[in-house]
Amino acid sequence: MFSIKNKVIVVTGGAGLLGGKIIDVLRAQGAIAISADIKVPDNDELSIKIDITSEPSVKDAVTAIVAKHGQIDGWINNAYPRTSDWGNKFEDIKVESWKQNVDMHLNGYFLCCQIVLEHMKKQRSGSVINMSSIYGLVGPDFNVYNGTSMTMPAAYAAIKGGLNNLSRYLAAYYGPYQVRVNTVSPGGIFDNQPQPFVDNYNNKVPMRRMGNPMDIASAVCFLLTDESSYITGHNLVVDGGWTAI
């Protein structure tokens, strides 16, 4: 049960914190896990360069993967493109920066979905997972940023909220072809943030700790198994209880 052995699964942003852990877990479970990232290590046969903001790049990557492996069983949209001024306070966000972030992130996920879902439609199987966030569901508690220069980027909330409903739309649209589309919404993931933030976060979240990449990779792995074959249009929240309070 709960096997993904020999499934061909693509993870965009596979060189990042979450993406790297997802890749490790999938490969440990016997999947052919392909890291699709704008940064590709040399001599890695299971990595492929992709720019999710470029239609030709996404098409070329999908074509190359199918030509080599024959199919794509799973696709995780996990890449996290953003501008250099990401994290500015709301009143300091330039309109052009807002537009660019929405275009790269939300529209990049749309582009990947449009191309890979049509392939899955033809093979009449497949699972797409869009990485969302608790901040696509609820507003931020700005108190957790007290004592730091951090804030929650406004575009992030808009992008992830839009992504949640796009995923529901796609689940309804491709369901008749036995293709599933779900989202995973992590809570805060520990990544060496300033200690005041970590303390504030831990004091609020019911489980009293930040998440770690393994928490998320395990949820992603489940949604790729055949045992989740009747789950689509769902947002799997992995947040230690943050959205429960």
Protein backbone atom coordinates (compact mmCIF):
# COMPACT_ATOMS: atom_id res chain seq x y z
CA MET A 1 0.00 0.00 0.00
CA PHE A 2 0.89 3.65 -0.45
CA SER A 3 3.47 2.94 -3.12
CA ILE A 4 4.83 5.39 -5.67
CA LYS A 5 7.47 2.98 -6.95
CA ASN A 6 8.47 3.65 -10.57
CA LYS A 7 6.08 6.60 -10.89
CA VAL A 8 7.56 9.47 -12.93
CA ILE A 9 7.14 12.60 -10.81
CA VAL A 10 8.35 16.11 -11.60
CA VAL A 11 9.06 18.70 -8.89
CA THR A 12 9.51 22.29 -10.00
CA GLY A 13 11.80 24.23 -7.72
CA GLY A 14 13.47 20.92 -6.92
CA ALA A 15 16.70 22.63 -5.86
CA GLY A 16 15.03 24.57 -3.03
CA LEU A 17 14.40 23.77 0.62
CA LEU A 18 11.03 22.08 0.20
CA GLY A 19 11.65 20.84 -3.30
CA GLY A 20 14.89 19.14 -2.32
CA LYS A 21 13.26 17.26 0.54
CA ILE A 22 10.31 16.24 -1.64
CA ILE A 23 12.75 14.87 -4.22
CA ASP A 24 14.66 12.93 -1.54
CA VAL A 25 11.49 11.38 -0.11
CA LEU A 26 10.07 10.43 -3.51
CA ARG A 27 13.31 8.78 -4.58
CA ALA A 28 13.57 6.94 -1.26
CA GLN A 29 10.11 5.52 -1.99
CA GLY A 30 11.20 4.26 -5.39
CA ALA A 31 9.81 7.00 -7.63
CA ILE A 32 11.61 8.42 -10.63
CA ALA A 33 11.67 11.93 -9.19
CA ILE A 34 12.83 14.64 -11.56
CA SER A 35 14.05 17.98 -10.25
CA ALA A 36 12.90 20.73 -12.61
CA ASP A 37 14.57 23.99 -11.71
CA ILE A 38 16.14 27.04 -13.26
CA LYS A 39 19.37 25.88 -11.57
CA VAL A 40 20.50 22.44 -12.70
CA PRO A 41 23.58 20.58 -11.39
CA ASP A 42 26.02 19.10 -13.88
CA ASN A 43 25.75 15.44 -14.80
CA ASP A 44 22.44 14.79 -13.04
CA GLU A 45 20.26 12.66 -15.29
CA LEU A 46 17.22 13.26 -13.09
CA SER A 47 17.37 17.06 -13.27
CA ILE A 48 16.06 19.26 -16.04
CA LYS A 49 16.24 22.99 -16.54
CA ILE A 50 12.91 24.79 -16.57
CA ASP A 51 11.75 28.38 -16.38
CA ILE A 52 8.10 28.22 -15.31
CA THR A 53 7.52 31.75 -16.63
CA SER A 54 8.42 30.69 -20.18
CA GLU A 55 5.96 28.71 -22.28
CA PRO A 56 8.66 27.29 -24.62
CA SER A 57 10.74 26.23 -21.61
CA VAL A 58 7.84 24.37 -19.96
CA LYS A 59 6.81 22.73 -23.23
CA ASP A 60 10.38 21.64 -23.97
CA ALA A 61 10.77 20.18 -20.48
CA VAL A 62 7.52 18.21 -20.66
CA THR A 63 8.37 16.94 -24.14
CA ALA A 64 11.85 15.84 -23.04
CA ILE A 65 10.57 14.06 -19.93
CA VAL A 66 7.88 12.18 -21.85
CA ALA A 67 10.35 11.25 -24.60
CA LYS A 68 12.75 9.80 -22.02
CA HIS A 69 10.36 8.23 -19.50
CA GLY A 70 7.20 7.66 -21.54
CA GLN A 71 4.81 9.39 -19.15
CA ILE A 72 4.38 11.85 -16.30
CA ASP A 73 2.49 10.41 -13.33
CA GLY A 74 2.86 13.37 -10.99
CA TRP A 75 3.74 17.04 -11.19
CA ILE A 76 4.36 19.25 -8.16
CA ASN A 77 4.28 23.00 -8.77
CA ASN A 78 6.67 24.08 -6.05
CA ALA A 79 8.87 26.75 -7.68
CA TYR A 80 8.95 30.08 -5.86
CA PRO A 81 9.95 32.86 -8.28
CA ARG A 82 9.95 36.39 -6.85
CA THR A 83 11.43 39.83 -7.36
CA SER A 84 14.41 41.26 -5.50
CA ASP A 85 12.12 43.60 -3.54
CA TRP A 86 9.97 40.71 -2.30
CA GLY A 87 9.01 41.34 1.31
CA ASN A 88 8.48 45.09 1.12
CA LYS A 89 5.78 46.43 3.40
CA PHE A 90 2.41 46.93 1.73
CA GLU A 91 2.69 50.71 1.43
CA ASP A 92 6.10 50.39 -0.25
CA ILE A 93 5.13 47.85 -2.93
CA LYS A 94 5.47 49.18 -6.46
CA VAL A 95 2.61 48.29 -8.78
CA GLU A 96 5.04 46.89 -11.34
CA SER A 97 6.59 44.66 -8.71
CA TRP A 98 3.14 43.39 -7.72
CA LYS A 99 2.32 42.60 -11.34
CA GLN A 100 5.64 40.88 -11.92
CA ASN A 101 5.29 38.63 -8.88
CA VAL A 102 1.75 37.60 -9.78
CA ASP A 103 2.86 36.96 -13.36
CA MET A 104 5.86 34.84 -12.41
CA HIS A 105 4.28 32.81 -9.62
CA LEU A 106 0.53 32.42 -10.19
CA ASN A 107 0.71 32.61 -13.96
CA GLY A 108 3.75 30.32 -14.00
CA TYR A 109 1.77 27.67 -12.13
CA PHE A 110 -1.12 28.18 -14.57
CA LEU A 111 1.24 27.65 -17.50
CA CYS A 112 2.67 24.43 -16.06
CA CYS A 113 -0.82 23.14 -15.29
CA GLN A 114 -2.13 23.92 -18.75
CA ILE A 115 0.68 22.04 -20.47
CA VAL A 116 1.11 19.02 -18.19
CA LEU A 117 -2.62 18.46 -17.60
CA GLU A 118 -3.24 18.12 -21.31
CA HIS A 119 -0.61 15.40 -21.40
CA MET A 120 -2.20 13.66 -18.41
CA LYS A 121 -5.60 13.97 -20.06
CA LYS A 122 -4.31 11.92 -23.00
CA GLN A 123 -2.90 9.21 -20.74
CA ARG A 124 -6.07 9.38 -18.58
CA SER A 125 -4.19 9.44 -15.33
CA GLY A 126 -2.02 11.74 -13.26
CA SER A 127 -1.79 13.83 -10.13
CA VAL A 128 -0.90 17.53 -10.00
CA ILE A 129 -0.12 19.17 -6.68
CA ASN A 130 0.08 22.94 -6.35
CA MET A 131 2.01 24.20 -3.35
CA SER A 132 -0.08 26.80 -1.58
CA SER A 133 0.08 28.21 1.97
CA ILE A 134 -1.95 28.91 5.07
CA TYR A 135 -1.85 32.52 3.88
CA GLY A 136 -3.96 31.51 0.92
CA LEU A 137 -6.64 30.63 3.48
CA VAL A 138 -6.36 33.12 6.34
CA GLY A 139 -4.99 36.58 6.92
CA PRO A 140 -1.58 36.93 8.54
CA ASP A 141 -1.03 37.49 12.23
CA PHE A 142 1.47 40.32 12.01
CA ASN A 143 2.30 39.93 15.70
CA VAL A 144 4.57 37.01 14.87
CA TYR A 145 6.88 39.44 13.08
CA ASN A 146 7.38 41.63 16.16
CA GLY A 147 11.05 42.17 16.91
CA THR A 148 12.13 41.51 13.33
CA SER A 149 12.29 43.36 10.02
CA MET A 150 10.16 40.62 8.44
CA THR A 151 6.63 40.89 7.10
CA MET A 152 4.25 38.73 5.07
CA PRO A 153 4.36 39.81 1.40
CA ALA A 154 0.94 40.96 0.20
CA ALA A 155 1.36 39.40 -3.24
CA TYR A 156 1.93 36.03 -1.61
CA ALA A 157 -1.55 36.06 -0.09
CA ALA A 158 -3.15 37.01 -3.41
CA ILE A 159 -1.16 34.41 -5.35
CA LYS A 160 -1.84 31.52 -3.00
CA GLY A 161 -5.52 32.41 -2.57
CA GLY A 162 -5.93 32.48 -6.34
CA LEU A 163 -4.03 29.24 -6.68
CA ASN A 164 -6.39 27.44 -4.29
CA ASN A 165 -9.43 28.21 -6.41
CA LEU A 166 -7.60 27.60 -9.68
CA SER A 167 -6.83 24.12 -8.38
CA ARG A 168 -10.50 23.48 -7.59
CA TYR A 169 -11.41 24.62 -11.10
CA LEU A 170 -8.84 22.29 -12.64
CA ALA A 171 -9.97 19.38 -10.47
CA ALA A 172 -13.51 19.81 -11.80
CA TYR A 173 -12.33 20.27 -15.38
CA TYR A 174 -9.99 17.28 -15.58
CA GLY A 175 -11.80 14.92 -13.21
CA PRO A 176 -13.63 13.11 -16.04
CA TYR A 177 -10.22 12.05 -17.38
CA GLN A 178 -9.19 10.53 -14.02
CA VAL A 179 -6.65 13.29 -13.51
CA ARG A 180 -6.46 14.80 -10.04
CA VAL A 181 -5.46 18.30 -8.91
CA ASN A 182 -4.90 19.15 -5.26
CA THR A 183 -3.10 21.73 -3.18
CA VAL A 184 -0.90 21.40 -0.12
CA SER A 185 -0.88 24.38 2.25
CA PRO A 186 2.09 24.42 4.62
CA GLY A 187 2.26 26.50 7.74
CA GLY A 188 5.50 28.23 8.64
CA ILE A 189 8.56 26.14 7.78
CA PHE A 190 11.72 26.59 9.84
CA ASP A 191 14.50 28.04 7.70
CA ASN A 192 16.79 29.76 10.19
CA GLN A 193 14.50 32.75 10.61
CA PRO A 194 15.33 35.33 13.30
CA GLN A 195 14.82 33.89 16.78
CA PRO A 196 12.12 36.42 17.79
CA PHE A 197 10.01 35.27 14.84
CA VAL A 198 10.53 31.59 15.66
CA ASP A 199 9.60 32.20 19.30
CA ASN A 200 6.50 34.22 18.37
CA TYR A 201 5.39 31.59 15.88
CA ASN A 202 5.93 28.69 18.27
CA ASN A 203 3.99 30.46 21.00
CA LYS A 204 0.94 30.84 18.74
CA VAL A 205 0.71 27.59 16.79
CA PRO A 206 -1.06 24.81 18.73
CA MET A 207 1.73 22.26 18.22
CA ARG A 208 4.25 24.82 19.51
CA ARG A 209 6.76 24.32 16.73
CA MET A 210 7.35 25.39 13.17
CA GLY A 211 7.01 22.82 10.42
CA ASN A 212 9.92 21.14 8.69
CA PRO A 213 10.34 20.04 5.07
CA MET A 214 9.67 16.40 5.95
CA ASP A 215 6.20 17.32 7.25
CA ILE A 216 5.33 18.67 3.82
CA ALA A 217 7.09 16.02 1.74
CA SER A 218 5.11 13.28 3.50
CA ALA A 219 1.79 14.96 2.62
CA VAL A 220 2.85 15.41 -0.99
CA CYS A 221 3.90 11.78 -1.21
CA PHE A 222 0.47 10.61 0.01
CA LEU A 223 -1.36 12.64 -2.65
CA LEU A 224 0.73 10.94 -5.34
CA THR A 225 -0.18 7.40 -4.28
CA ASP A 226 -2.99 5.35 -5.79
CA GLU A 227 -4.54 5.18 -2.32
CA SER A 228 -5.45 8.87 -2.73
CA SER A 229 -7.08 8.21 -6.10
CA TYR A 230 -10.48 9.58 -4.99
CA ILE A 231 -9.06 12.82 -3.59
CA THR A 232 -9.19 15.79 -5.93
CA GLY A 233 -9.96 19.46 -5.53
CA HIS A 234 -8.72 19.21 -1.95
CA ASN A 235 -6.45 21.55 -0.02
CA LEU A 236 -4.39 19.49 2.41
CA VAL A 237 -3.40 21.86 5.21
CA VAL A 238 -0.20 20.91 7.05
CA ASP A 239 0.17 23.65 9.63
CA GLY A 240 0.39 22.26 13.15
CA GLY A 241 -3.11 23.63 13.84
CA TRP A 242 -2.46 27.25 12.83
CA THR A 243 -5.71 27.60 10.86
CA ALA A 244 -7.72 25.74 13.53
CA ILE A 245 -7.61 28.68 15.94
